[in-house]
Amino acid sequence: MGFFDALFGRVRPSPPKRDRLFALATAGPDIEDRLGARFAGRAAVVLRATEASHFLKLQQELADILKIGGPDLPVKAEQAEDNLGFRWVVLRTDELADVLAAIRLVENLAEDAGFPDALLAALFDFGRWALVWSYRRGSFYPFAQTGPAQRDRALEMRVGAVLGRTLPVEQDLETWYPLWDPPW
């Protein structure tokens, strides 16, 4: 922070903590052992859409690159829009490491296109519950949807307590926002 920023009370946002997302790769076995849950083969990146034509180009690049995939990136990808206007890049693969590599690719494409702020969350399906990565907060939190606009807060608390030993879990429960009805 510069002198004038301090003088006028301006605060610069801290740099994103995106590398903390990849702690999930090493936490996979711990999730299986302690929670009896396995990665269900589905994940998604949630993007805030913008009106810019560059964003449409980004969407096309995402579609083209993720479609190529191949043996180096065996991930099936599709894009969807939810009823609130958010774009979802839905990724399917059996391996958590492969989906994390695909998410890194999505992040890099968004940053290169000038839309790093469009990255809102990543969602990982573990069956009865999902794990949400908040790009803004640089942390994880569990989300257990049980029905339309209903969630199991007790399960979320248990999962959060267990995961807090191996992952950066968000401590402010008010920011455990629900991601209702993912389009996967």
Protein backbone atom coordinates (compact mmCIF):
# COMPACT_ATOMS: atom_id res chain seq x y z
CA MET A 1 0.00 0.00 0.00
CA GLY A 2 1.36 3.40 -0.98
CA PHE A 3 1.62 6.55 1.05
CA PHE A 4 -1.41 8.23 -0.56
CA ASP A 5 -3.51 5.11 -0.17
CA ALA A 6 -2.78 5.09 3.55
CA LEU A 7 -3.31 8.84 3.83
CA PHE A 8 -6.72 8.76 2.14
CA GLY A 9 -7.87 5.53 3.76
CA ARG A 10 -7.96 3.52 0.56
CA VAL A 11 -7.53 -0.18 0.96
CA ARG A 12 -6.18 -2.39 -1.76
CA PRO A 13 -7.63 -5.85 -1.88
CA SER A 14 -5.26 -8.59 -0.90
CA PRO A 15 -4.05 -10.77 -3.75
CA PRO A 16 -6.15 -13.86 -4.37
CA LYS A 17 -5.22 -16.99 -2.48
CA ARG A 18 -6.02 -19.32 -5.35
CA ASP A 19 -3.18 -21.71 -4.62
CA ARG A 20 -4.95 -22.65 -1.39
CA LEU A 21 -7.62 -24.27 -3.55
CA PHE A 22 -5.17 -27.00 -4.47
CA ALA A 23 -4.86 -28.14 -0.87
CA LEU A 24 -7.94 -30.15 -1.79
CA ALA A 25 -5.77 -32.53 -3.84
CA THR A 26 -3.95 -33.70 -0.72
CA ALA A 27 -7.07 -33.61 1.46
CA GLY A 28 -8.93 -36.16 -0.69
CA PRO A 29 -7.76 -39.23 1.26
CA ASP A 30 -8.50 -37.47 4.54
CA ILE A 31 -12.04 -36.73 3.36
CA GLU A 32 -12.51 -40.41 2.56
CA ASP A 33 -11.07 -41.62 5.87
CA ARG A 34 -12.63 -39.14 8.26
CA LEU A 35 -15.94 -38.40 6.52
CA GLY A 36 -16.54 -41.55 4.49
CA ALA A 37 -17.14 -39.43 1.40
CA ARG A 38 -15.62 -39.66 -2.05
CA PHE A 39 -15.45 -37.14 -4.85
CA ALA A 40 -18.58 -37.88 -6.89
CA GLY A 41 -17.03 -36.95 -10.23
CA ARG A 42 -18.67 -33.53 -10.61
CA ALA A 43 -17.38 -30.04 -10.03
CA ALA A 44 -18.19 -26.60 -11.34
CA VAL A 45 -16.78 -23.10 -11.51
CA VAL A 46 -19.29 -20.30 -11.04
CA LEU A 47 -18.67 -17.11 -13.01
CA ARG A 48 -20.40 -13.78 -12.80
CA ALA A 49 -21.40 -12.93 -16.35
CA THR A 50 -20.70 -9.50 -17.74
CA GLU A 51 -22.10 -7.71 -20.76
CA ALA A 52 -18.74 -7.30 -22.45
CA SER A 53 -18.09 -8.97 -25.78
CA HIS A 54 -14.75 -10.09 -24.36
CA PHE A 55 -16.68 -12.25 -21.90
CA LEU A 56 -18.41 -13.99 -24.81
CA LYS A 57 -14.98 -14.65 -26.28
CA LEU A 58 -13.87 -16.10 -22.94
CA GLN A 59 -16.89 -18.42 -22.93
CA GLN A 60 -16.02 -19.64 -26.42
CA GLU A 61 -12.36 -20.18 -25.49
CA LEU A 62 -13.43 -22.16 -22.43
CA ALA A 63 -15.69 -24.32 -24.54
CA ASP A 64 -13.02 -24.91 -27.20
CA ILE A 65 -10.16 -25.73 -24.84
CA LEU A 66 -12.16 -27.91 -22.47
CA LYS A 67 -13.69 -29.75 -25.42
CA ILE A 68 -10.22 -30.73 -26.61
CA GLY A 69 -9.29 -32.36 -23.30
CA GLY A 70 -7.70 -35.59 -24.43
CA PRO A 71 -5.54 -37.90 -22.35
CA ASP A 72 -3.77 -35.02 -20.63
CA LEU A 73 -7.04 -33.58 -19.37
CA PRO A 74 -9.73 -36.30 -19.32
CA VAL A 75 -12.52 -33.99 -18.24
CA LYS A 76 -15.90 -33.54 -19.85
CA ALA A 77 -17.00 -29.93 -19.68
CA GLU A 78 -20.14 -28.02 -20.47
CA GLN A 79 -21.42 -24.57 -19.72
CA ALA A 80 -24.78 -23.66 -18.23
CA GLU A 81 -26.55 -20.60 -16.93
CA ASP A 82 -28.64 -20.67 -13.78
CA ASN A 83 -31.87 -18.78 -13.13
CA LEU A 84 -29.91 -15.91 -11.53
CA GLY A 85 -27.77 -15.32 -14.63
CA PHE A 86 -24.55 -16.86 -13.33
CA ARG A 87 -22.45 -18.94 -15.73
CA TRP A 88 -21.39 -22.41 -14.62
CA VAL A 89 -18.55 -24.37 -16.15
CA VAL A 90 -19.52 -27.92 -15.19
CA LEU A 91 -16.69 -30.46 -15.14
CA ARG A 92 -17.03 -34.24 -14.97
CA THR A 93 -14.25 -36.70 -14.27
CA ASP A 94 -13.53 -39.48 -11.81
CA GLU A 95 -10.29 -37.98 -10.57
CA LEU A 96 -10.15 -35.01 -8.25
CA ALA A 97 -6.66 -34.10 -9.53
CA ASP A 98 -7.97 -33.89 -13.11
CA VAL A 99 -10.85 -31.63 -12.14
CA LEU A 100 -8.47 -29.37 -10.21
CA ALA A 101 -6.27 -29.10 -13.32
CA ALA A 102 -9.33 -28.15 -15.39
CA ILE A 103 -10.31 -25.55 -12.80
CA ARG A 104 -6.81 -24.07 -12.98
CA LEU A 105 -7.27 -23.81 -16.74
CA VAL A 106 -10.60 -21.99 -16.30
CA GLU A 107 -8.97 -19.61 -13.80
CA ASN A 108 -6.07 -18.86 -16.15
CA LEU A 109 -8.38 -18.22 -19.09
CA ALA A 110 -10.53 -15.85 -17.03
CA GLU A 111 -7.47 -13.97 -15.79
CA ASP A 112 -5.90 -13.76 -19.26
CA ALA A 113 -9.16 -12.42 -20.68
CA GLY A 114 -9.23 -9.70 -18.02
CA PHE A 115 -12.01 -11.20 -15.90
CA PRO A 116 -10.37 -12.42 -12.68
CA ASP A 117 -13.22 -10.85 -10.68
CA ALA A 118 -15.74 -12.95 -12.60
CA LEU A 119 -14.56 -16.04 -10.68
CA LEU A 120 -16.98 -16.45 -7.79
CA ALA A 121 -16.82 -20.03 -6.54
CA ALA A 122 -15.89 -23.59 -7.32
CA LEU A 123 -18.14 -26.42 -6.19
CA PHE A 124 -17.10 -30.05 -5.63
CA ASP A 125 -19.66 -32.83 -5.24
CA PHE A 126 -19.07 -35.33 -2.43
CA GLY A 127 -22.49 -37.00 -2.51
CA ARG A 128 -24.60 -35.85 0.45
CA TRP A 129 -22.71 -32.58 0.60
CA ALA A 130 -20.60 -30.35 -1.59
CA LEU A 131 -17.48 -28.39 -0.87
CA VAL A 132 -17.51 -24.75 -1.96
CA TRP A 133 -14.35 -22.77 -2.69
CA SER A 134 -14.91 -19.03 -2.35
CA TYR A 135 -12.56 -17.10 -4.60
CA ARG A 136 -13.21 -13.87 -2.72
CA ARG A 137 -12.50 -15.34 0.72
CA GLY A 138 -9.78 -17.80 -0.32
CA SER A 139 -11.34 -20.58 1.73
CA PHE A 140 -13.63 -23.60 1.64
CA TYR A 141 -16.94 -24.31 3.30
CA PRO A 142 -19.35 -27.25 3.09
CA PHE A 143 -22.83 -27.01 1.65
CA ALA A 144 -25.45 -29.73 2.15
CA GLN A 145 -28.64 -29.09 0.17
CA THR A 146 -31.47 -31.37 1.28
CA GLY A 147 -34.29 -29.98 -0.84
CA PRO A 148 -35.52 -26.84 -2.56
CA ALA A 149 -33.94 -23.96 -0.61
CA GLN A 150 -33.23 -26.32 2.33
CA ARG A 151 -29.89 -27.29 3.78
CA ASP A 152 -28.55 -29.50 6.55
CA ARG A 153 -26.64 -27.03 8.73
CA ALA A 154 -25.70 -29.68 11.28
CA LEU A 155 -24.01 -31.79 8.60
CA GLU A 156 -22.26 -28.69 7.27
CA MET A 157 -20.91 -27.91 10.74
CA ARG A 158 -19.63 -31.48 11.24
CA VAL A 159 -17.95 -31.52 7.83
CA GLY A 160 -16.47 -28.06 8.40
CA ALA A 161 -15.02 -29.11 11.77
CA VAL A 162 -13.35 -32.18 10.26
CA LEU A 163 -12.06 -30.39 7.18
CA GLY A 164 -10.68 -27.52 9.26
CA ARG A 165 -7.77 -29.77 10.19
CA THR A 166 -6.54 -30.14 6.61
CA LEU A 167 -8.09 -27.32 4.56
CA PRO A 168 -8.52 -23.57 4.93
CA VAL A 169 -12.17 -23.59 6.05
CA GLU A 170 -13.99 -20.26 6.27
CA GLN A 171 -14.49 -19.31 9.91
CA ASP A 172 -17.26 -16.76 9.35
CA LEU A 173 -20.41 -18.89 9.09
CA GLU A 174 -22.34 -15.91 7.71
CA THR A 175 -20.34 -16.24 4.49
CA TRP A 176 -21.26 -19.90 3.95
CA TYR A 177 -23.55 -18.92 1.08
CA PRO A 178 -25.77 -21.59 -0.45
CA LEU A 179 -25.35 -22.52 -4.09
CA TRP A 180 -28.84 -23.85 -4.68
CA ASP A 181 -29.52 -26.39 -7.39
CA PRO A 182 -26.24 -26.54 -9.31
CA PRO A 183 -26.90 -27.21 -13.00
CA TRP A 184 -25.06 -30.50 -13.07
